[in-house]
Amino acid sequence: MRLEYLCIDCRSLRDNYSRPDLYRLISNALSSSLDKLVDILRRIKTSRS
């Protein structure tokens, strides 16, 4: 799954730039978009059944 690669990229970003605020910003954006994606998938699943 590609999510694992995203997590690794975030970690390397944090290490390279040593900017925890940047890391937090990116991880927040990722997690919020993941939540939206899961929500959309749930709606599709419930509307079909």
PDB file of N, CA and C in Angstrom:
ATOM      1  N   MET A   1       0.830  -1.209   0.000  1.00  0.00           N
ATOM      2  CA  MET A   1       0.000   0.000   0.000  1.00  0.00           C
ATOM      3  C   MET A   1       0.868   1.263   0.000  1.00  0.00           C
ATOM      4  N   ARG A   2       0.399   2.291  -0.631  1.00  0.00           N
ATOM      5  CA  ARG A   2       1.210   3.498  -0.809  1.00  0.00           C
ATOM      6  C   ARG A   2       1.283   4.362   0.440  1.00  0.00           C
ATOM      7  N   LEU A   3       0.360   4.176   1.347  1.00  0.00           N
ATOM      8  CA  LEU A   3       0.325   4.983   2.570  1.00  0.00           C
ATOM      9  C   LEU A   3       1.626   4.878   3.355  1.00  0.00           C
ATOM     10  N   GLU A   4       2.190   3.681   3.395  1.00  0.00           N
ATOM     11  CA  GLU A   4       3.446   3.473   4.120  1.00  0.00           C
ATOM     12  C   GLU A   4       4.566   4.333   3.539  1.00  0.00           C
ATOM     13  N   TYR A   5       4.592   4.458   2.228  1.00  0.00           N
ATOM     14  CA  TYR A   5       5.615   5.286   1.578  1.00  0.00           C
ATOM     15  C   TYR A   5       5.429   6.755   1.932  1.00  0.00           C
ATOM     16  N   LEU A   6       4.168   7.181   2.018  1.00  0.00           N
ATOM     17  CA  LEU A   6       3.880   8.561   2.415  1.00  0.00           C
ATOM     18  C   LEU A   6       4.408   8.845   3.811  1.00  0.00           C
ATOM     19  N   CYS A   7       4.208   7.898   4.712  1.00  0.00           N
ATOM     20  CA  CYS A   7       4.688   8.066   6.086  1.00  0.00           C
ATOM     21  C   CYS A   7       6.204   8.175   6.117  1.00  0.00           C
ATOM     22  N   ILE A   8       6.875   7.346   5.335  1.00  0.00           N
ATOM     23  CA  ILE A   8       8.336   7.378   5.271  1.00  0.00           C
ATOM     24  C   ILE A   8       8.809   8.719   4.706  1.00  0.00           C
ATOM     25  N   ASP A   9       8.121   9.209   3.678  1.00  0.00           N
ATOM     26  CA  ASP A   9       8.478  10.498   3.083  1.00  0.00           C
ATOM     27  C   ASP A   9       8.350  11.622   4.095  1.00  0.00           C
ATOM     28  N   CYS A  10       7.291  11.607   4.873  1.00  0.00           N
ATOM     29  CA  CYS A  10       7.099  12.622   5.905  1.00  0.00           C
ATOM     30  C   CYS A  10       8.228  12.568   6.920  1.00  0.00           C
ATOM     31  N   ARG A  11       8.606  11.371   7.289  1.00  0.00           N
ATOM     32  CA  ARG A  11       9.672  11.201   8.270  1.00  0.00           C
ATOM     33  C   ARG A  11      10.997  11.745   7.727  1.00  0.00           C
ATOM     34  N   SER A  12      11.285  11.454   6.469  1.00  0.00           N
ATOM     35  CA  SER A  12      12.538  11.942   5.881  1.00  0.00           C
ATOM     36  C   SER A  12      12.507  13.459   5.714  1.00  0.00           C
ATOM     37  N   LEU A  13      11.337  14.003   5.412  1.00  0.00           N
ATOM     38  CA  LEU A  13      11.191  15.458   5.357  1.00  0.00           C
ATOM     39  C   LEU A  13      11.544  16.081   6.694  1.00  0.00           C
ATOM     40  N   ARG A  14      11.002  15.508   7.742  1.00  0.00           N
ATOM     41  CA  ARG A  14      11.236  16.030   9.085  1.00  0.00           C
ATOM     42  C   ARG A  14      12.726  15.964   9.432  1.00  0.00           C
ATOM     43  N   ASP A  15      13.366  14.850   9.055  1.00  0.00           N
ATOM     44  CA  ASP A  15      14.789  14.677   9.360  1.00  0.00           C
ATOM     45  C   ASP A  15      15.660  15.641   8.551  1.00  0.00           C
ATOM     46  N   ASN A  16      15.318  15.814   7.284  1.00  0.00           N
ATOM     47  CA  ASN A  16      16.144  16.648   6.405  1.00  0.00           C
ATOM     48  C   ASN A  16      16.039  18.130   6.737  1.00  0.00           C
ATOM     49  N   TYR A  17      14.835  18.581   7.012  1.00  0.00           N
ATOM     50  CA  TYR A  17      14.634  20.012   7.218  1.00  0.00           C
ATOM     51  C   TYR A  17      14.585  20.394   8.692  1.00  0.00           C
ATOM     52  N   SER A  18      14.484  19.377   9.548  1.00  0.00           N
ATOM     53  CA  SER A  18      14.326  19.579  10.996  1.00  0.00           C
ATOM     54  C   SER A  18      13.306  20.675  11.299  1.00  0.00           C
ATOM     55  N   ARG A  19      12.177  20.595  10.588  1.00  0.00           N
ATOM     56  CA  ARG A  19      11.092  21.551  10.766  1.00  0.00           C
ATOM     57  C   ARG A  19       9.864  20.791  11.254  1.00  0.00           C
ATOM     58  N   PRO A  20       9.698  20.627  12.548  1.00  0.00           N
ATOM     59  CA  PRO A  20       8.549  19.878  13.053  1.00  0.00           C
ATOM     60  C   PRO A  20       7.210  20.500  12.666  1.00  0.00           C
ATOM     61  N   ASP A  21       7.194  21.838  12.480  1.00  0.00           N
ATOM     62  CA  ASP A  21       5.945  22.485  12.072  1.00  0.00           C
ATOM     63  C   ASP A  21       5.550  22.075  10.653  1.00  0.00           C
ATOM     64  N   LEU A  22       6.557  21.967   9.786  1.00  0.00           N
ATOM     65  CA  LEU A  22       6.316  21.520   8.416  1.00  0.00           C
ATOM     66  C   LEU A  22       5.810  20.079   8.409  1.00  0.00           C
ATOM     67  N   TYR A  23       6.469  19.249   9.204  1.00  0.00           N
ATOM     68  CA  TYR A  23       6.068  17.847   9.322  1.00  0.00           C
ATOM     69  C   TYR A  23       4.636  17.729   9.825  1.00  0.00           C
ATOM     70  N   ARG A  24       4.298  18.536  10.831  1.00  0.00           N
ATOM     71  CA  ARG A  24       2.954  18.500  11.407  1.00  0.00           C
ATOM     72  C   ARG A  24       1.920  18.932  10.374  1.00  0.00           C
ATOM     73  N   LEU A  25       2.255  19.967   9.620  1.00  0.00           N
ATOM     74  CA  LEU A  25       1.366  20.471   8.574  1.00  0.00           C
ATOM     75  C   LEU A  25       1.067  19.387   7.541  1.00  0.00           C
ATOM     76  N   ILE A  26       2.119  18.716   7.091  1.00  0.00           N
ATOM     77  CA  ILE A  26       1.967  17.667   6.081  1.00  0.00           C
ATOM     78  C   ILE A  26       1.168  16.486   6.627  1.00  0.00           C
ATOM     79  N   SER A  27       1.495  16.054   7.839  1.00  0.00           N
ATOM     80  CA  SER A  27       0.805  14.897   8.400  1.00  0.00           C
ATOM     81  C   SER A  27      -0.662  15.207   8.681  1.00  0.00           C
ATOM     82  N   ASN A  28      -0.954  16.444   9.090  1.00  0.00           N
ATOM     83  CA  ASN A  28      -2.344  16.851   9.296  1.00  0.00           C
ATOM     84  C   ASN A  28      -3.115  16.832   7.982  1.00  0.00           C
ATOM     85  N   ALA A  29      -2.498  17.348   6.931  1.00  0.00           N
ATOM     86  CA  ALA A  29      -3.138  17.363   5.619  1.00  0.00           C
ATOM     87  C   ALA A  29      -3.405  15.940   5.133  1.00  0.00           C
ATOM     88  N   LEU A  30      -2.427  15.060   5.332  1.00  0.00           N
ATOM     89  CA  LEU A  30      -2.585  13.666   4.927  1.00  0.00           C
ATOM     90  C   LEU A  30      -3.706  12.987   5.693  1.00  0.00           C
ATOM     91  N   SER A  31      -3.704  13.159   7.014  1.00  0.00           N
ATOM     92  CA  SER A  31      -4.699  12.462   7.830  1.00  0.00           C
ATOM     93  C   SER A  31      -6.104  12.989   7.559  1.00  0.00           C
ATOM     94  N   SER A  32      -6.242  14.295   7.343  1.00  0.00           N
ATOM     95  CA  SER A  32      -7.568  14.842   7.077  1.00  0.00           C
ATOM     96  C   SER A  32      -8.091  14.364   5.724  1.00  0.00           C
ATOM     97  N   SER A  33      -7.219  14.300   4.716  1.00  0.00           N
ATOM     98  CA  SER A  33      -7.671  13.822   3.414  1.00  0.00           C
ATOM     99  C   SER A  33      -7.971  12.330   3.455  1.00  0.00           C
ATOM    100  N   LEU A  34      -7.237  11.583   4.283  1.00  0.00           N
ATOM    101  CA  LEU A  34      -7.535  10.161   4.463  1.00  0.00           C
ATOM    102  C   LEU A  34      -8.895   9.979   5.119  1.00  0.00           C
ATOM    103  N   ASP A  35      -9.182  10.814   6.127  1.00  0.00           N
ATOM    104  CA  ASP A  35     -10.487  10.754   6.783  1.00  0.00           C
ATOM    105  C   ASP A  35     -11.605  11.018   5.783  1.00  0.00           C
ATOM    106  N   LYS A  36     -11.410  12.010   4.926  1.00  0.00           N
ATOM    107  CA  LYS A  36     -12.414  12.329   3.909  1.00  0.00           C
ATOM    108  C   LYS A  36     -12.604  11.166   2.951  1.00  0.00           C
ATOM    109  N   LEU A  37     -11.501  10.552   2.557  1.00  0.00           N
ATOM    110  CA  LEU A  37     -11.556   9.421   1.640  1.00  0.00           C
ATOM    111  C   LEU A  37     -12.335   8.259   2.249  1.00  0.00           C
ATOM    112  N   VAL A  38     -12.029   7.945   3.508  1.00  0.00           N
ATOM    113  CA  VAL A  38     -12.720   6.865   4.214  1.00  0.00           C
ATOM    114  C   VAL A  38     -14.209   7.177   4.326  1.00  0.00           C
ATOM    115  N   ASP A  39     -14.528   8.435   4.618  1.00  0.00           N
ATOM    116  CA  ASP A  39     -15.919   8.867   4.736  1.00  0.00           C
ATOM    117  C   ASP A  39     -16.665   8.676   3.419  1.00  0.00           C
ATOM    118  N   ILE A  40     -16.038   9.072   2.318  1.00  0.00           N
ATOM    119  CA  ILE A  40     -16.641   8.913   0.987  1.00  0.00           C
ATOM    120  C   ILE A  40     -16.852   7.437   0.670  1.00  0.00           C
ATOM    121  N   LEU A  41     -15.850   6.609   0.968  1.00  0.00           N
ATOM    122  CA  LEU A  41     -15.967   5.172   0.713  1.00  0.00           C
ATOM    123  C   LEU A  41     -17.096   4.556   1.531  1.00  0.00           C
ATOM    124  N   ARG A  42     -17.235   4.992   2.781  1.00  0.00           N
ATOM    125  CA  ARG A  42     -18.324   4.494   3.625  1.00  0.00           C
ATOM    126  C   ARG A  42     -19.680   4.857   3.040  1.00  0.00           C
ATOM    127  N   ARG A  43     -19.806   6.089   2.562  1.00  0.00           N
ATOM    128  CA  ARG A  43     -21.077   6.535   1.981  1.00  0.00           C
ATOM    129  C   ARG A  43     -21.434   5.721   0.748  1.00  0.00           C
ATOM    130  N   ILE A  44     -20.422   5.457  -0.085  1.00  0.00           N
ATOM    131  CA  ILE A  44     -20.652   4.659  -1.292  1.00  0.00           C
ATOM    132  C   ILE A  44     -21.128   3.257  -0.900  1.00  0.00           C
ATOM    133  N   LYS A  45     -20.470   2.689   0.110  1.00  0.00           N
ATOM    134  CA  LYS A  45     -20.807   1.339   0.556  1.00  0.00           C
ATOM    135  C   LYS A  45     -22.234   1.274   1.093  1.00  0.00           C
ATOM    136  N   THR A  46     -22.627   2.279   1.899  1.00  0.00           N
ATOM    137  CA  THR A  46     -23.965   2.261   2.496  1.00  0.00           C
ATOM    138  C   THR A  46     -25.041   2.563   1.463  1.00  0.00           C
ATOM    139  N   SER A  47     -24.735   3.386   0.469  1.00  0.00           N
ATOM    140  CA  SER A  47     -25.738   3.713  -0.544  1.00  0.00           C
ATOM    141  C   SER A  47     -25.986   2.534  -1.486  1.00  0.00           C
ATOM    142  N   ARG A  48     -25.009   1.681  -1.651  1.00  0.00           N
ATOM    143  CA  ARG A  48     -25.167   0.521  -2.532  1.00  0.00           C
ATOM    144  C   ARG A  48     -25.941  -0.607  -1.872  1.00  0.00           C
ATOM    145  N   SER A  49     -25.792  -0.764  -0.564  1.00  0.00           N
ATOM    146  CA  SER A  49     -26.437  -1.891   0.113  1.00  0.00           C
ATOM    147  C   SER A  49     -27.909  -1.638   0.414  1.00  0.00           C
TER     148      SER A  49
END
